[in-house]
Structures are given as C-alpha cells and as structure tokens.
Amino acid sequence: FDSEYPPIANEQERNNYKREFDRDHQEYKDLQAEMDVINKNLSDVDRELDQLEEGSPQYLDAMDEYN
C-alpha cells in the first residue's frame, strides 16, 4: 500500500490522489448502481416464482426465461 500511495508531500500530490479517488469512486458508484438493478430484478423473479406452483407450466416457463 505504501509503495502505491506514499505519504503526501505537497499540494500537487494531494490533487493527484483526489483525482484518482474521484475517478475510482465514480466507477464504484456506477458498478453499485448496476448491482442495484440486478438485485431488484432477482427480487422480482423470486417474488414471481413464489406466486407460482412449483413444477407448473408457468413456473417452468419462468425458470426457462431467467436461466
């Protein structure tokens, strides 16, 4: 860690660290938003499957659609 991010010695280094952090943080937020959508979709599928009788044609169709 210290070799990748040595102690900040001046304002320019601080600005460089901040810029890198902001870029990485935005990537994290974008990935988190994608994960939120995926989790919502999985929750919707789970709720849909819970309403269907296991083994019924509708259940099997739903399983095929999401697998």
N, C-alpha and C. Protein backbone atom coordinates (compact mmCIF):
# COMPACT_ATOMS: atom_id res chain seq x y z
N PHE A 1 0.83 -1.20 0.00
CA PHE A 1 0.00 0.00 0.00
C PHE A 1 0.87 1.25 0.00
N ASP A 2 1.88 1.28 0.86
CA ASP A 2 2.75 2.46 0.93
C ASP A 2 3.49 2.72 -0.37
N SER A 3 3.84 1.65 -1.09
CA SER A 3 4.57 1.87 -2.35
C SER A 3 3.64 2.44 -3.43
N GLU A 4 2.37 2.08 -3.39
CA GLU A 4 1.42 2.61 -4.37
C GLU A 4 0.96 4.01 -3.98
N TYR A 5 0.83 4.26 -2.69
CA TYR A 5 0.37 5.56 -2.19
C TYR A 5 1.30 6.06 -1.09
N PRO A 6 2.47 6.57 -1.47
CA PRO A 6 3.38 7.10 -0.45
C PRO A 6 2.76 8.33 0.21
N PRO A 7 3.30 8.74 1.35
CA PRO A 7 2.76 9.92 2.04
C PRO A 7 2.72 11.14 1.11
N ILE A 8 1.71 11.95 1.31
CA ILE A 8 1.54 13.17 0.51
C ILE A 8 2.57 14.20 0.95
N ALA A 9 3.33 14.70 -0.03
CA ALA A 9 4.40 15.64 0.29
C ALA A 9 4.06 17.07 -0.11
N ASN A 10 3.08 17.23 -1.03
CA ASN A 10 2.77 18.59 -1.47
C ASN A 10 1.34 18.64 -2.03
N GLU A 11 0.92 19.83 -2.38
CA GLU A 11 -0.44 20.05 -2.87
C GLU A 11 -0.71 19.32 -4.19
N GLN A 12 0.29 19.25 -5.05
CA GLN A 12 0.13 18.55 -6.34
C GLN A 12 -0.17 17.07 -6.11
N GLU A 13 0.55 16.44 -5.20
CA GLU A 13 0.29 15.02 -4.89
C GLU A 13 -1.11 14.85 -4.30
N ARG A 14 -1.50 15.78 -3.43
CA ARG A 14 -2.84 15.70 -2.86
C ARG A 14 -3.89 15.78 -3.97
N ASN A 15 -3.71 16.68 -4.90
CA ASN A 15 -4.65 16.81 -6.02
C ASN A 15 -4.67 15.56 -6.89
N ASN A 16 -3.49 14.97 -7.11
CA ASN A 16 -3.42 13.72 -7.89
C ASN A 16 -4.18 12.60 -7.18
N TYR A 17 -3.98 12.46 -5.87
CA TYR A 17 -4.70 11.43 -5.11
C TYR A 17 -6.20 11.67 -5.17
N LYS A 18 -6.60 12.92 -5.00
CA LYS A 18 -8.03 13.24 -5.03
C LYS A 18 -8.63 12.91 -6.39
N ARG A 19 -7.94 13.26 -7.45
CA ARG A 19 -8.43 12.97 -8.80
C ARG A 19 -8.57 11.46 -8.99
N GLU A 20 -7.58 10.70 -8.55
CA GLU A 20 -7.64 9.24 -8.68
C GLU A 20 -8.78 8.67 -7.85
N PHE A 21 -8.92 9.17 -6.62
CA PHE A 21 -10.01 8.71 -5.77
C PHE A 21 -11.36 9.01 -6.41
N ASP A 22 -11.54 10.23 -6.89
CA ASP A 22 -12.81 10.61 -7.50
C ASP A 22 -13.14 9.72 -8.70
N ARG A 23 -12.15 9.41 -9.51
CA ARG A 23 -12.36 8.54 -10.67
C ARG A 23 -12.77 7.14 -10.21
N ASP A 24 -12.02 6.59 -9.26
CA ASP A 24 -12.33 5.25 -8.77
C ASP A 24 -13.67 5.22 -8.05
N HIS A 25 -13.97 6.28 -7.32
CA HIS A 25 -15.24 6.34 -6.59
C HIS A 25 -16.41 6.39 -7.57
N GLN A 26 -16.27 7.10 -8.66
CA GLN A 26 -17.33 7.15 -9.67
C GLN A 26 -17.53 5.77 -10.29
N GLU A 27 -16.44 5.07 -10.56
CA GLU A 27 -16.56 3.70 -11.09
C GLU A 27 -17.29 2.81 -10.10
N TYR A 28 -16.96 2.93 -8.82
CA TYR A 28 -17.63 2.16 -7.77
C TYR A 28 -19.13 2.48 -7.76
N LYS A 29 -19.48 3.76 -7.83
CA LYS A 29 -20.89 4.14 -7.80
C LYS A 29 -21.63 3.61 -9.02
N ASP A 30 -21.00 3.62 -10.17
CA ASP A 30 -21.62 3.07 -11.38
C ASP A 30 -21.85 1.57 -11.24
N LEU A 31 -20.85 0.86 -10.73
CA LEU A 31 -21.00 -0.58 -10.52
C LEU A 31 -22.07 -0.88 -9.48
N GLN A 32 -22.12 -0.07 -8.43
CA GLN A 32 -23.13 -0.26 -7.39
C GLN A 32 -24.53 -0.06 -7.97
N ALA A 33 -24.70 0.91 -8.84
CA ALA A 33 -26.00 1.14 -9.48
C ALA A 33 -26.39 -0.06 -10.34
N GLU A 34 -25.44 -0.63 -11.06
CA GLU A 34 -25.71 -1.83 -11.85
C GLU A 34 -26.13 -2.99 -10.95
N MET A 35 -25.43 -3.14 -9.83
CA MET A 35 -25.77 -4.21 -8.89
C MET A 35 -27.16 -4.00 -8.30
N ASP A 36 -27.53 -2.77 -8.03
CA ASP A 36 -28.87 -2.48 -7.51
C ASP A 36 -29.95 -2.93 -8.49
N VAL A 37 -29.74 -2.68 -9.78
CA VAL A 37 -30.70 -3.09 -10.80
C VAL A 37 -30.77 -4.62 -10.86
N ILE A 38 -29.62 -5.27 -10.84
CA ILE A 38 -29.58 -6.73 -10.89
C ILE A 38 -30.29 -7.32 -9.67
N ASN A 39 -30.02 -6.78 -8.49
CA ASN A 39 -30.66 -7.29 -7.28
C ASN A 39 -32.17 -7.08 -7.31
N LYS A 40 -32.62 -5.94 -7.83
CA LYS A 40 -34.06 -5.70 -7.94
C LYS A 40 -34.68 -6.72 -8.89
N ASN A 41 -34.03 -6.96 -10.02
CA ASN A 41 -34.56 -7.94 -10.98
C ASN A 41 -34.62 -9.33 -10.36
N LEU A 42 -33.60 -9.72 -9.62
CA LEU A 42 -33.61 -11.03 -8.96
C LEU A 42 -34.72 -11.11 -7.93
N SER A 43 -34.93 -10.04 -7.21
CA SER A 43 -36.01 -10.00 -6.22
C SER A 43 -37.37 -10.14 -6.91
N ASP A 44 -37.53 -9.46 -8.04
CA ASP A 44 -38.79 -9.57 -8.81
C ASP A 44 -39.01 -11.00 -9.28
N VAL A 45 -37.96 -11.63 -9.78
CA VAL A 45 -38.06 -13.02 -10.24
C VAL A 45 -38.42 -13.93 -9.07
N ASP A 46 -37.78 -13.74 -7.95
CA ASP A 46 -38.06 -14.56 -6.76
C ASP A 46 -39.52 -14.41 -6.34
N ARG A 47 -40.00 -13.18 -6.34
CA ARG A 47 -41.39 -12.92 -5.96
C ARG A 47 -42.34 -13.58 -6.96
N GLU A 48 -42.01 -13.49 -8.25
CA GLU A 48 -42.85 -14.11 -9.28
C GLU A 48 -42.88 -15.63 -9.10
N LEU A 49 -41.73 -16.23 -8.86
CA LEU A 49 -41.68 -17.68 -8.69
C LEU A 49 -42.43 -18.12 -7.43
N ASP A 50 -42.39 -17.30 -6.39
CA ASP A 50 -43.11 -17.64 -5.15
C ASP A 50 -44.62 -17.70 -5.38
N GLN A 51 -45.12 -16.98 -6.37
CA GLN A 51 -46.56 -16.95 -6.64
C GLN A 51 -47.01 -18.10 -7.53
N LEU A 52 -46.06 -18.83 -8.08
CA LEU A 52 -46.39 -19.93 -8.99
C LEU A 52 -46.20 -21.26 -8.29
N GLU A 53 -47.00 -22.24 -8.69
CA GLU A 53 -46.85 -23.58 -8.13
C GLU A 53 -45.62 -24.22 -8.75
N GLU A 54 -44.74 -24.71 -7.87
CA GLU A 54 -43.51 -25.32 -8.35
C GLU A 54 -43.83 -26.51 -9.25
N GLY A 55 -43.20 -26.54 -10.41
CA GLY A 55 -43.43 -27.62 -11.36
C GLY A 55 -44.53 -27.33 -12.37
N SER A 56 -45.32 -26.28 -12.13
CA SER A 56 -46.39 -25.94 -13.08
C SER A 56 -45.78 -25.43 -14.38
N PRO A 57 -46.54 -25.48 -15.48
CA PRO A 57 -46.00 -24.97 -16.75
C PRO A 57 -45.55 -23.51 -16.65
N GLN A 58 -46.30 -22.68 -15.92
CA GLN A 58 -45.92 -21.27 -15.77
C GLN A 58 -44.61 -21.15 -15.00
N TYR A 59 -44.46 -21.97 -13.98
CA TYR A 59 -43.23 -21.96 -13.17
C TYR A 59 -42.04 -22.37 -14.04
N LEU A 60 -42.22 -23.43 -14.80
CA LEU A 60 -41.13 -23.92 -15.66
C LEU A 60 -40.80 -22.90 -16.75
N ASP A 61 -41.83 -22.23 -17.29
CA ASP A 61 -41.58 -21.18 -18.29
C ASP A 61 -40.77 -20.04 -17.67
N ALA A 62 -41.14 -19.65 -16.46
CA ALA A 62 -40.42 -18.57 -15.78
C ALA A 62 -38.98 -18.99 -15.51
N MET A 63 -38.78 -20.23 -15.09
CA MET A 63 -37.42 -20.72 -14.84
C MET A 63 -36.60 -20.70 -16.13
N ASP A 64 -37.21 -21.13 -17.24
CA ASP A 64 -36.51 -21.12 -18.52
C ASP A 64 -36.15 -19.69 -18.94
N GLU A 65 -37.08 -18.77 -18.70
CA GLU A 65 -36.85 -17.38 -19.10
C GLU A 65 -35.68 -16.77 -18.35
N TYR A 66 -35.51 -17.10 -17.09
CA TYR A 66 -34.49 -16.44 -16.27
C TYR A 66 -33.21 -17.25 -16.11
N ASN A 67 -33.15 -18.42 -16.70
CA ASN A 67 -31.91 -19.21 -16.63
C ASN A 67 -31.15 -19.17 -17.91
